[in-house]
PDB file of N, CA and C in Angstrom:
ATOM      1  N   UNK A   1      15.687 -18.370 -18.308  1.00  0.00           N
ATOM      2  CA  UNK A   1      14.411 -18.070 -17.764  1.00  0.00           C
ATOM      3  C   UNK A   1      13.621 -19.431 -17.667  1.00  0.00           C
ATOM      4  N   UNK A   2      12.998 -19.607 -16.532  1.00  0.00           N
ATOM      5  CA  UNK A   2      12.193 -20.792 -16.265  1.00  0.00           C
ATOM      6  C   UNK A   2      10.746 -20.435 -16.209  1.00  0.00           C
ATOM      7  N   UNK A   3       9.938 -21.292 -16.842  1.00  0.00           N
ATOM      8  CA  UNK A   3       8.501 -21.103 -16.770  1.00  0.00           C
ATOM      9  C   UNK A   3       7.891 -22.183 -15.955  1.00  0.00           C
ATOM     10  N   UNK A   4       6.845 -21.836 -15.158  1.00  0.00           N
ATOM     11  CA  UNK A   4       6.224 -22.836 -14.282  1.00  0.00           C
ATOM     12  C   UNK A   4       4.765 -22.457 -14.075  1.00  0.00           C
ATOM     13  N   UNK A   5       3.890 -23.438 -14.069  1.00  0.00           N
ATOM     14  CA  UNK A   5       2.507 -23.200 -13.737  1.00  0.00           C
ATOM     15  C   UNK A   5       2.234 -23.011 -12.244  1.00  0.00           C
ATOM     16  N   UNK A   6       1.183 -22.424 -11.914  1.00  0.00           N
ATOM     17  CA  UNK A   6       0.871 -22.133 -10.543  1.00  0.00           C
ATOM     18  C   UNK A   6       0.857 -23.389  -9.709  1.00  0.00           C
ATOM     19  N   UNK A   7       0.220 -24.448 -10.139  1.00  0.00           N
ATOM     20  CA  UNK A   7       0.128 -25.681  -9.359  1.00  0.00           C
ATOM     21  C   UNK A   7       1.491 -26.251  -9.071  1.00  0.00           C
ATOM     22  N   UNK A   8       2.349 -26.319 -10.041  1.00  0.00           N
ATOM     23  CA  UNK A   8       3.713 -26.896  -9.855  1.00  0.00           C
ATOM     24  C   UNK A   8       4.536 -25.908  -8.929  1.00  0.00           C
ATOM     25  N   UNK A   9       4.337 -24.595  -9.138  1.00  0.00           N
ATOM     26  CA  UNK A   9       5.033 -23.655  -8.278  1.00  0.00           C
ATOM     27  C   UNK A   9       4.645 -23.881  -6.783  1.00  0.00           C
ATOM     28  N   UNK A  10       3.365 -24.083  -6.497  1.00  0.00           N
ATOM     29  CA  UNK A  10       2.928 -24.324  -5.170  1.00  0.00           C
ATOM     30  C   UNK A  10       3.550 -25.605  -4.591  1.00  0.00           C
ATOM     31  N   UNK A  11       3.652 -26.593  -5.427  1.00  0.00           N
ATOM     32  CA  UNK A  11       4.172 -27.872  -4.967  1.00  0.00           C
ATOM     33  C   UNK A  11       5.700 -27.871  -4.776  1.00  0.00           C
ATOM     34  N   UNK A  12       6.417 -27.028  -5.553  1.00  0.00           N
ATOM     35  CA  UNK A  12       7.878 -27.040  -5.522  1.00  0.00           C
ATOM     36  C   UNK A  12       8.409 -25.620  -5.292  1.00  0.00           C
ATOM     37  N   UNK A  13       7.792 -24.860  -4.441  1.00  0.00           N
ATOM     38  CA  UNK A  13       8.157 -23.466  -4.211  1.00  0.00           C
ATOM     39  C   UNK A  13       9.627 -23.327  -3.832  1.00  0.00           C
ATOM     40  N   UNK A  14      10.138 -24.153  -2.982  1.00  0.00           N
ATOM     41  CA  UNK A  14      11.537 -24.034  -2.554  1.00  0.00           C
ATOM     42  C   UNK A  14      12.506 -24.123  -3.692  1.00  0.00           C
ATOM     43  N   UNK A  15      12.197 -25.003  -4.601  1.00  0.00           N
ATOM     44  CA  UNK A  15      13.052 -25.174  -5.824  1.00  0.00           C
ATOM     45  C   UNK A  15      13.089 -23.878  -6.647  1.00  0.00           C
ATOM     46  N   UNK A  16      11.933 -23.286  -6.865  1.00  0.00           N
ATOM     47  CA  UNK A  16      11.909 -22.083  -7.690  1.00  0.00           C
ATOM     48  C   UNK A  16      12.416 -20.862  -6.974  1.00  0.00           C
ATOM     49  N   UNK A  17      12.289 -20.861  -5.669  1.00  0.00           N
ATOM     50  CA  UNK A  17      12.944 -19.778  -4.914  1.00  0.00           C
ATOM     51  C   UNK A  17      14.434 -19.828  -5.022  1.00  0.00           C
ATOM     52  N   UNK A  18      14.961 -21.018  -5.007  1.00  0.00           N
ATOM     53  CA  UNK A  18      16.424 -21.195  -5.171  1.00  0.00           C
ATOM     54  C   UNK A  18      16.884 -20.685  -6.558  1.00  0.00           C
ATOM     55  N   UNK A  19      16.086 -20.961  -7.557  1.00  0.00           N
ATOM     56  CA  UNK A  19      16.402 -20.474  -8.937  1.00  0.00           C
ATOM     57  C   UNK A  19      16.474 -18.932  -8.879  1.00  0.00           C
ATOM     58  N   UNK A  20      15.490 -18.277  -8.276  1.00  0.00           N
ATOM     59  CA  UNK A  20      15.459 -16.830  -8.226  1.00  0.00           C
ATOM     60  C   UNK A  20      16.627 -16.297  -7.360  1.00  0.00           C
ATOM     61  N   UNK A  21      16.932 -16.947  -6.238  1.00  0.00           N
ATOM     62  CA  UNK A  21      17.997 -16.459  -5.334  1.00  0.00           C
ATOM     63  C   UNK A  21      19.357 -16.493  -6.086  1.00  0.00           C
ATOM     64  N   UNK A  22      19.508 -17.406  -6.976  1.00  0.00           N
ATOM     65  CA  UNK A  22      20.837 -17.547  -7.704  1.00  0.00           C
ATOM     66  C   UNK A  22      20.807 -16.719  -9.013  1.00  0.00           C
ATOM     67  N   UNK A  23      19.889 -15.754  -9.129  1.00  0.00           N
ATOM     68  CA  UNK A  23      19.914 -14.814 -10.249  1.00  0.00           C
ATOM     69  C   UNK A  23      19.034 -15.208 -11.408  1.00  0.00           C
ATOM     70  N   UNK A  24      18.314 -16.297 -11.302  1.00  0.00           N
ATOM     71  CA  UNK A  24      17.414 -16.700 -12.392  1.00  0.00           C
ATOM     72  C   UNK A  24      16.087 -16.013 -12.328  1.00  0.00           C
ATOM     73  N   UNK A  25      15.304 -16.087 -13.365  1.00  0.00           N
ATOM     74  CA  UNK A  25      13.990 -15.582 -13.430  1.00  0.00           C
ATOM     75  C   UNK A  25      12.998 -16.731 -13.585  1.00  0.00           C
ATOM     76  N   UNK A  26      11.908 -16.667 -12.868  1.00  0.00           N
ATOM     77  CA  UNK A  26      10.899 -17.691 -12.983  1.00  0.00           C
ATOM     78  C   UNK A  26       9.617 -17.019 -13.400  1.00  0.00           C
ATOM     79  N   UNK A  27       9.136 -17.354 -14.603  1.00  0.00           N
ATOM     80  CA  UNK A  27       7.902 -16.759 -15.058  1.00  0.00           C
ATOM     81  C   UNK A  27       6.751 -17.748 -14.644  1.00  0.00           C
ATOM     82  N   UNK A  28       5.776 -17.193 -13.932  1.00  0.00           N
ATOM     83  CA  UNK A  28       4.678 -17.979 -13.437  1.00  0.00           C
ATOM     84  C   UNK A  28       3.518 -17.836 -14.406  1.00  0.00           C
ATOM     85  N   UNK A  29       2.999 -19.024 -14.797  1.00  0.00           N
ATOM     86  CA  UNK A  29       1.928 -19.001 -15.791  1.00  0.00           C
ATOM     87  C   UNK A  29       0.609 -19.535 -15.185  1.00  0.00           C
ATOM     88  N   UNK A  30      -0.451 -19.131 -15.726  1.00  0.00           N
ATOM     89  CA  UNK A  30      -1.765 -19.582 -15.324  1.00  0.00           C
ATOM     90  C   UNK A  30      -2.518 -19.967 -16.665  1.00  0.00           C
ATOM     91  N   UNK A  31      -2.815 -21.223 -16.804  1.00  0.00           N
ATOM     92  CA  UNK A  31      -3.404 -21.738 -18.037  1.00  0.00           C
ATOM     93  C   UNK A  31      -2.588 -21.382 -19.241  1.00  0.00           C
ATOM     94  N   UNK A  32      -1.244 -21.480 -19.019  1.00  0.00           N
ATOM     95  CA  UNK A  32      -0.328 -21.231 -20.171  1.00  0.00           C
ATOM     96  C   UNK A  32       0.046 -19.799 -20.441  1.00  0.00           C
ATOM     97  N   UNK A  33      -0.607 -18.884 -19.744  1.00  0.00           N
ATOM     98  CA  UNK A  33      -0.340 -17.412 -19.990  1.00  0.00           C
ATOM     99  C   UNK A  33       0.482 -16.887 -18.826  1.00  0.00           C
ATOM    100  N   UNK A  34       1.530 -16.149 -19.122  1.00  0.00           N
ATOM    101  CA  UNK A  34       2.369 -15.533 -18.086  1.00  0.00           C
ATOM    102  C   UNK A  34       1.593 -14.538 -17.230  1.00  0.00           C
ATOM    103  N   UNK A  35       1.664 -14.643 -15.908  1.00  0.00           N
ATOM    104  CA  UNK A  35       0.970 -13.716 -15.035  1.00  0.00           C
ATOM    105  C   UNK A  35       1.858 -13.036 -14.057  1.00  0.00           C
ATOM    106  N   UNK A  36       3.061 -13.602 -13.798  1.00  0.00           N
ATOM    107  CA  UNK A  36       3.944 -12.942 -12.804  1.00  0.00           C
ATOM    108  C   UNK A  36       5.385 -13.429 -13.069  1.00  0.00           C
ATOM    109  N   UNK A  37       6.297 -12.710 -12.433  1.00  0.00           N
ATOM    110  CA  UNK A  37       7.739 -13.103 -12.541  1.00  0.00           C
ATOM    111  C   UNK A  37       8.326 -13.101 -11.143  1.00  0.00           C
ATOM    112  N   UNK A  38       9.041 -14.155 -10.836  1.00  0.00           N
ATOM    113  CA  UNK A  38       9.710 -14.330  -9.548  1.00  0.00           C
ATOM    114  C   UNK A  38      11.196 -14.093  -9.809  1.00  0.00           C
ATOM    115  N   UNK A  39      11.714 -13.051  -9.149  1.00  0.00           N
ATOM    116  CA  UNK A  39      13.145 -12.699  -9.307  1.00  0.00           C
ATOM    117  C   UNK A  39      13.684 -12.362  -7.946  1.00  0.00           C
ATOM    118  N   UNK A  40      14.998 -12.440  -7.769  1.00  0.00           N
ATOM    119  CA  UNK A  40      15.643 -12.093  -6.499  1.00  0.00           C
ATOM    120  C   UNK A  40      15.523 -10.595  -6.277  1.00  0.00           C
ATOM    121  N   UNK A  41      15.379 -10.207  -5.033  1.00  0.00           N
ATOM    122  CA  UNK A  41      15.381  -8.775  -4.719  1.00  0.00           C
ATOM    123  C   UNK A  41      16.792  -8.216  -4.888  1.00  0.00           C
ATOM    124  N   UNK A  42      16.844  -7.021  -5.326  1.00  0.00           N
ATOM    125  CA  UNK A  42      18.161  -6.341  -5.369  1.00  0.00           C
ATOM    126  C   UNK A  42      18.575  -6.039  -3.933  1.00  0.00           C
ATOM    127  N   UNK A  43      19.690  -5.432  -3.806  1.00  0.00           N
ATOM    128  CA  UNK A  43      20.163  -5.073  -2.487  1.00  0.00           C
ATOM    129  C   UNK A  43      19.044  -4.461  -1.688  1.00  0.00           C
ATOM    130  N   UNK A  44      18.705  -5.004  -0.537  1.00  0.00           N
ATOM    131  CA  UNK A  44      17.600  -4.447   0.233  1.00  0.00           C
ATOM    132  C   UNK A  44      18.117  -3.373   1.131  1.00  0.00           C
ATOM    133  N   UNK A  45      17.253  -2.401   1.410  1.00  0.00           N
ATOM    134  CA  UNK A  45      17.601  -1.319   2.319  1.00  0.00           C
ATOM    135  C   UNK A  45      16.583  -1.355   3.449  1.00  0.00           C
ATOM    136  N   UNK A  46      17.062  -1.138   4.627  1.00  0.00           N
ATOM    137  CA  UNK A  46      16.109  -1.116   5.770  1.00  0.00           C
ATOM    138  C   UNK A  46      15.276   0.178   5.708  1.00  0.00           C
ATOM    139  N   UNK A  47      14.176   0.173   6.390  1.00  0.00           N
ATOM    140  CA  UNK A  47      13.314   1.315   6.308  1.00  0.00           C
ATOM    141  C   UNK A  47      13.902   2.578   6.870  1.00  0.00           C
ATOM    142  N   UNK A  48      14.801   2.443   7.812  1.00  0.00           N
ATOM    143  CA  UNK A  48      15.444   3.624   8.386  1.00  0.00           C
ATOM    144  C   UNK A  48      16.265   4.353   7.345  1.00  0.00           C
ATOM    145  N   UNK A  49      17.090   3.635   6.564  1.00  0.00           N
ATOM    146  CA  UNK A  49      17.913   4.328   5.550  1.00  0.00           C
ATOM    147  C   UNK A  49      17.051   4.955   4.492  1.00  0.00           C
ATOM    148  N   UNK A  50      15.901   4.338   4.175  1.00  0.00           N
ATOM    149  CA  UNK A  50      15.022   4.843   3.155  1.00  0.00           C
ATOM    150  C   UNK A  50      14.367   6.167   3.702  1.00  0.00           C
ATOM    151  N   UNK A  51      13.996   6.188   4.963  1.00  0.00           N
ATOM    152  CA  UNK A  51      13.463   7.413   5.523  1.00  0.00           C
ATOM    153  C   UNK A  51      14.501   8.543   5.460  1.00  0.00           C
ATOM    154  N   UNK A  52      15.728   8.214   5.822  1.00  0.00           N
ATOM    155  CA  UNK A  52      16.772   9.215   5.768  1.00  0.00           C
ATOM    156  C   UNK A  52      17.039   9.738   4.377  1.00  0.00           C
ATOM    157  N   UNK A  53      16.965   8.848   3.346  1.00  0.00           N
ATOM    158  CA  UNK A  53      17.188   9.272   1.994  1.00  0.00           C
ATOM    159  C   UNK A  53      16.025  10.168   1.503  1.00  0.00           C
ATOM    160  N   UNK A  54      14.764   9.818   1.891  1.00  0.00           N
ATOM    161  CA  UNK A  54      13.645  10.648   1.533  1.00  0.00           C
ATOM    162  C   UNK A  54      13.724  11.978   2.214  1.00  0.00           C
ATOM    163  N   UNK A  55      14.198  12.013   3.435  1.00  0.00           N
ATOM    164  CA  UNK A  55      14.303  13.319   4.155  1.00  0.00           C
ATOM    165  C   UNK A  55      15.340  14.192   3.525  1.00  0.00           C
ATOM    166  N   UNK A  56      16.455  13.628   3.136  1.00  0.00           N
ATOM    167  CA  UNK A  56      17.499  14.396   2.428  1.00  0.00           C
ATOM    168  C   UNK A  56      16.996  14.961   1.117  1.00  0.00           C
ATOM    169  N   UNK A  57      16.111  14.235   0.440  1.00  0.00           N
ATOM    170  CA  UNK A  57      15.591  14.691  -0.835  1.00  0.00           C
ATOM    171  C   UNK A  57      14.492  15.710  -0.669  1.00  0.00           C
ATOM    172  N   UNK A  58      14.065  15.910   0.593  1.00  0.00           N
ATOM    173  CA  UNK A  58      13.050  16.880   0.853  1.00  0.00           C
ATOM    174  C   UNK A  58      11.636  16.369   0.664  1.00  0.00           C
ATOM    175  N   UNK A  59      11.505  15.047   0.481  1.00  0.00           N
ATOM    176  CA  UNK A  59      10.184  14.449   0.241  1.00  0.00           C
ATOM    177  C   UNK A  59       9.476  14.149   1.564  1.00  0.00           C
ATOM    178  N   UNK A  60      10.246  13.989   2.613  1.00  0.00           N
ATOM    179  CA  UNK A  60       9.709  13.553   3.942  1.00  0.00           C
ATOM    180  C   UNK A  60      10.278  14.484   4.997  1.00  0.00           C
ATOM    181  N   UNK A  61       9.473  14.872   5.949  1.00  0.00           N
ATOM    182  CA  UNK A  61       9.926  15.595   7.103  1.00  0.00           C
ATOM    183  C   UNK A  61       9.882  14.677   8.268  1.00  0.00           C
ATOM    184  N   UNK A  62      11.025  14.431   8.910  1.00  0.00           N
ATOM    185  CA  UNK A  62      11.093  13.529  10.050  1.00  0.00           C
ATOM    186  C   UNK A  62      10.496  14.141  11.315  1.00  0.00           C
ATOM    187  N   UNK A  63       9.819  13.336  12.097  1.00  0.00           N
ATOM    188  CA  UNK A  63       9.302  13.818  13.323  1.00  0.00           C
ATOM    189  C   UNK A  63      10.407  14.030  14.354  1.00  0.00           C
ATOM    190  N   UNK A  64      10.087  14.750  15.470  1.00  0.00           N
ATOM    191  CA  UNK A  64      11.047  15.051  16.462  1.00  0.00           C
ATOM    192  C   UNK A  64      10.640  14.563  17.854  1.00  0.00           C
ATOM    193  N   UNK A  65       9.884  13.560  17.927  1.00  0.00           N
ATOM    194  CA  UNK A  65       9.499  13.037  19.275  1.00  0.00           C
ATOM    195  C   UNK A  65       8.114  12.370  19.228  1.00  0.00           C
ATOM    196  N   UNK A  66       7.551  12.310  20.346  1.00  0.00           N
ATOM    197  CA  UNK A  66       6.261  11.640  20.452  1.00  0.00           C
ATOM    198  C   UNK A  66       5.108  12.483  19.883  1.00  0.00           C
ATOM    199  N   UNK A  67       4.105  11.847  19.403  1.00  0.00           N
ATOM    200  CA  UNK A  67       2.915  12.517  18.839  1.00  0.00           C
ATOM    201  C   UNK A  67       2.088  13.060  19.991  1.00  0.00           C
ATOM    202  N   UNK A  68       1.645  14.341  19.816  1.00  0.00           N
ATOM    203  CA  UNK A  68       0.761  14.922  20.861  1.00  0.00           C
ATOM    204  C   UNK A  68      -0.513  14.097  20.926  1.00  0.00           C
ATOM    205  N   UNK A  69      -1.078  13.895  22.135  1.00  0.00           N
ATOM    206  CA  UNK A  69      -2.306  13.144  22.237  1.00  0.00           C
ATOM    207  C   UNK A  69      -3.446  13.721  21.424  1.00  0.00           C
ATOM    208  N   UNK A  70      -3.448  15.036  21.316  1.00  0.00           N
ATOM    209  CA  UNK A  70      -4.580  15.667  20.558  1.00  0.00           C
ATOM    210  C   UNK A  70      -4.555  15.297  19.074  1.00  0.00           C
ATOM    211  N   UNK A  71      -3.380  14.877  18.568  1.00  0.00           N
ATOM    212  CA  UNK A  71      -3.263  14.523  17.162  1.00  0.00           C
ATOM    213  C   UNK A  71      -3.611  13.105  16.907  1.00  0.00           C
ATOM    214  N   UNK A  72      -3.749  12.273  17.982  1.00  0.00           N
ATOM    215  CA  UNK A  72      -4.034  10.843  17.811  1.00  0.00           C
ATOM    216  C   UNK A  72      -5.507  10.625  17.424  1.00  0.00           C
ATOM    217  N   UNK A  73      -6.372  11.529  17.804  1.00  0.00           N
ATOM    218  CA  UNK A  73      -7.786  11.377  17.484  1.00  0.00           C
ATOM    219  C   UNK A  73      -8.138  12.119  16.194  1.00  0.00           C
ATOM    220  N   UNK A  74      -9.011  11.546  15.367  1.00  0.00           N
ATOM    221  CA  UNK A  74      -9.378  12.286  14.182  1.00  0.00           C
ATOM    222  C   UNK A  74     -10.136  13.555  14.557  1.00  0.00           C
ATOM    223  N   UNK A  75      -9.942  14.633  13.785  1.00  0.00           N
ATOM    224  CA  UNK A  75     -10.610  15.876  14.102  1.00  0.00           C
ATOM    225  C   UNK A  75     -12.118  15.765  13.966  1.00  0.00           C
ATOM    226  N   UNK A  76     -12.811  16.492  14.816  1.00  0.00           N
ATOM    227  CA  UNK A  76     -14.250  16.493  14.739  1.00  0.00           C
ATOM    228  C   UNK A  76     -14.688  17.556  13.723  1.00  0.00           C
ATOM    229  N   UNK A  77     -15.673  17.284  12.987  1.00  0.00           N
ATOM    230  CA  UNK A  77     -16.174  18.247  11.979  1.00  0.00           C
ATOM    231  C   UNK A  77     -16.712  19.505  12.668  1.00  0.00           C
ATOM    232  N   UNK A  78     -16.447  20.654  12.109  1.00  0.00           N
ATOM    233  CA  UNK A  78     -16.923  21.875  12.724  1.00  0.00           C
ATOM    234  C   UNK A  78     -18.464  22.037  12.590  1.00  0.00           C
ATOM    235  N   UNK A  79     -19.030  22.605  13.600  1.00  0.00           N
ATOM    236  CA  UNK A  79     -20.464  22.908  13.481  1.00  0.00           C
ATOM    237  C   UNK A  79     -20.538  24.261  12.766  1.00  0.00           C
ATOM    238  N   UNK A  80     -21.048  24.210  11.577  1.00  0.00           N
ATOM    239  CA  UNK A  80     -20.995  25.433  10.776  1.00  0.00           C
ATOM    240  C   UNK A  80     -22.393  25.796  10.342  1.00  0.00           C
ATOM    241  N   UNK A  81     -22.435  26.890   9.596  1.00  0.00           N
ATOM    242  CA  UNK A  81     -23.713  27.320   9.060  1.00  0.00           C
ATOM    243  C   UNK A  81     -24.311  26.284   8.123  1.00  0.00           C
ATOM    244  N   UNK A  82     -23.488  25.413   7.605  1.00  0.00           N
ATOM    245  CA  UNK A  82     -23.994  24.378   6.756  1.00  0.00           C
ATOM    246  C   UNK A  82     -24.977  23.471   7.414  1.00  0.00           C
ATOM    247  N   UNK A  83     -24.863  23.301   8.741  1.00  0.00           N
ATOM    248  CA  UNK A  83     -25.824  22.455   9.481  1.00  0.00           C
ATOM    249  C   UNK A  83     -27.232  23.027   9.336  1.00  0.00           C
ATOM    250  N   UNK A  84     -27.371  24.330   9.415  1.00  0.00           N
ATOM    251  CA  UNK A  84     -28.686  24.961   9.290  1.00  0.00           C
ATOM    252  C   UNK A  84     -29.217  24.770   7.882  1.00  0.00           C
ATOM    253  N   UNK A  85     -28.385  24.842   6.879  1.00  0.00           N
ATOM    254  CA  UNK A  85     -28.779  24.625   5.480  1.00  0.00           C
ATOM    255  C   UNK A  85     -29.271  23.284   5.285  1.00  0.00           C
ATOM    256  N   UNK A  86     -28.543  22.271   5.835  1.00  0.00           N
ATOM    257  CA  UNK A  86     -28.967  20.866   5.712  1.00  0.00           C
ATOM    258  C   UNK A  86     -30.355  20.656   6.388  1.00  0.00           C
ATOM    259  N   UNK A  87     -30.485  21.230   7.571  1.00  0.00           N
ATOM    260  CA  UNK A  87     -31.744  21.098   8.298  1.00  0.00           C
ATOM    261  C   UNK A  87     -32.891  21.694   7.486  1.00  0.00           C
ATOM    262  N   UNK A  88     -32.691  22.873   6.878  1.00  0.00           N
ATOM    263  CA  UNK A  88     -33.731  23.487   6.082  1.00  0.00           C
ATOM    264  C   UNK A  88     -34.051  22.659   4.847  1.00  0.00           C
ATOM    265  N   UNK A  89     -33.095  22.099   4.198  1.00  0.00           N
ATOM    266  CA  UNK A  89     -33.271  21.227   3.033  1.00  0.00           C
ATOM    267  C   UNK A  89     -34.097  20.016   3.439  1.00  0.00           C
ATOM    268  N   UNK A  90     -33.762  19.393   4.558  1.00  0.00           N
ATOM    269  CA  UNK A  90     -34.537  18.187   4.982  1.00  0.00           C
ATOM    270  C   UNK A  90     -35.963  18.564   5.344  1.00  0.00           C
ATOM    271  N   UNK A  91     -36.200  19.738   5.936  1.00  0.00           N
ATOM    272  CA  UNK A  91     -37.550  20.187   6.253  1.00  0.00           C
ATOM    273  C   UNK A  91     -38.322  20.394   4.939  1.00  0.00           C
ATOM    274  N   UNK A  92     -37.671  20.972   3.943  1.00  0.00           N
ATOM    275  CA  UNK A  92     -38.346  21.185   2.639  1.00  0.00           C
ATOM    276  C   UNK A  92     -38.787  19.868   2.045  1.00  0.00           C
ATOM    277  N   UNK A  93     -37.950  18.923   2.130  1.00  0.00           N
ATOM    278  CA  UNK A  93     -38.239  17.600   1.561  1.00  0.00           C
ATOM    279  C   UNK A  93     -39.451  16.980   2.290  1.00  0.00           C
ATOM    280  N   UNK A  94     -39.410  17.071   3.615  1.00  0.00           N
ATOM    281  CA  UNK A  94     -40.518  16.506   4.400  1.00  0.00           C
ATOM    282  C   UNK A  94     -41.846  17.214   4.099  1.00  0.00           C
ATOM    283  N   UNK A  95     -41.804  18.502   3.893  1.00  0.00           N
ATOM    284  CA  UNK A  95     -43.027  19.269   3.648  1.00  0.00           C
ATOM    285  C   UNK A  95     -43.483  19.248   2.170  1.00  0.00           C
ATOM    286  N   UNK A  96     -42.648  18.638   1.282  1.00  0.00           N
ATOM    287  CA  UNK A  96     -42.971  18.531  -0.100  1.00  0.00           C
ATOM    288  C   UNK A  96     -42.887  19.843  -0.874  1.00  0.00           C
ATOM    289  N   UNK A  97     -42.093  20.762  -0.466  1.00  0.00           N
ATOM    290  CA  UNK A  97     -41.938  22.012  -1.160  1.00  0.00           C
ATOM    291  C   UNK A  97     -41.049  21.912  -2.300  1.00  0.00           C
TER     292      UNK A  97
END
């Protein structure tokens, strides 16, 4: 395990990336205290395979085409009886009741 301060890491980033790529760990310190660890990524998976894995697990439902235009806009709030209640409350406040 290699320890390095932030300033030196910034100056020699390529060197420490190489350490991580080859299986080493680099502990990054700030004022002598460990704040982060730089390690190589495990086998990466592309986002497509991750989506497929989540779909098989039932966590995600895959879409089947283009999004309908009506779903692209956020829904408008319904005009409900609550509007009248709010109006009455504001009138009461104005009239000092």
